[in-house]
Amino acid sequence: MSTNTNRSLIPVVCLFGPTAVGKTGLLEQLFAGSGEVISADSMQVYRGMDIGTAKPDPETLTRLPHHLIDILDFTSQFNAGDFIRQADQAVRDIHSRGLLPVISGGTAFYFRNFLYGLPEIPVVPAGIRQELTERKDREGLSSLWEELGTADPVTAGRIEPGDTTRIIRALEVFLGTGRPLSSYSLPDKPRGEFRCLMLGLRRDREELYERINLRVEIMFRQGLVREFLSLLRAGARPEHPGMKGIGYSEFFYLFENGCFTIEDVKDKIRQDSRRYAKRQMTFFRSLPGVEWYHPDDIQDIRRRIESFAGKSS
């Protein structure tokens, strides 16, 4: 079902699923020539990170243009507010050219924020973030992580212990407003400019995990180690936002823990990818009005999209 049935609104297809489920290949089959994709992937925004983020290859991008890919350096932060602002602009542009806007990716909370907008969080007093950053340098990130676990355990449970940016942001909100970040709920009504068709892709767990393992193997064959070393030469550090992604953070983790072989990195990426896929599916199942398909059910998916977009089969 669509989250809004008003036919005068701009139609947007939201196609999502866990890592390695098969989104990229399906997108080209469904939308080449009729639509353009807005990437809902928090890591594909970064330049120079092609293999580890499984970006579409240049030939695919020629046949099916993608937006919000390769727009930032790995040192830059990209948050949900940035995504909404740029996705809104891209949707309007694609629609104005007579094409169907398609939002697709695996960063689950981007879809919820696109549907409903951002929580109403009061302005935080200036200076708190700087104080927290200085404390992190003096005391270590683990100290701030433990403090967040006491102040806002719900948010802490959603953040990786090494995610400096999100840990500091959550503490900044708590210290600046007196309320935990998790207490600020999303709006409960969809935004009014778009009508969205929510299409979820899923596979059996065993099938998905086999695809994840194969993807990791292919990434290394394609040159993931060379790509990571190139990023290191460009100044990449574990605290940079782009280096938080799976496929990159594992190298730093093993460096810091004193053991490093290629097989170690592969195993860590496989493990992290499986855990991430599980979290993705949990979040995707919480989205409203999702219609679930196996990626092989392409004819059923195509008919549903045609019905939504007002085209005959």
Foldseek 3Di string as FASTA:
>chain_A
DKQDDPPVFAEEEEEEAAPLLDPLVLCLVQFQPAAAEEEPEQQQLAPLCPLLQVDDDPVSCVRHPYPSGHNDHLQDHDDLVNSLVVLVVVSVVGVVVRHHYYYYYQPLVSVVCNFFNDFDQDDFDPPQLVVVVVCCVVPNLQVLLVVCCVQPVVQSVVDDSLQNVSSSVQVSSCVRPVHGPVVRDTDPGTDDRYIYAAEYADDPLVVSLVSLLVSLVVSVVVPLVVSQVVVVVVPDDCNGNSQVDQSRNLQVVCVVVPDDDPVSSSVVSSVVSSVRSVVSVVSSVPDPPYDYDHSVPSVVVSCVVCVSNVHDD
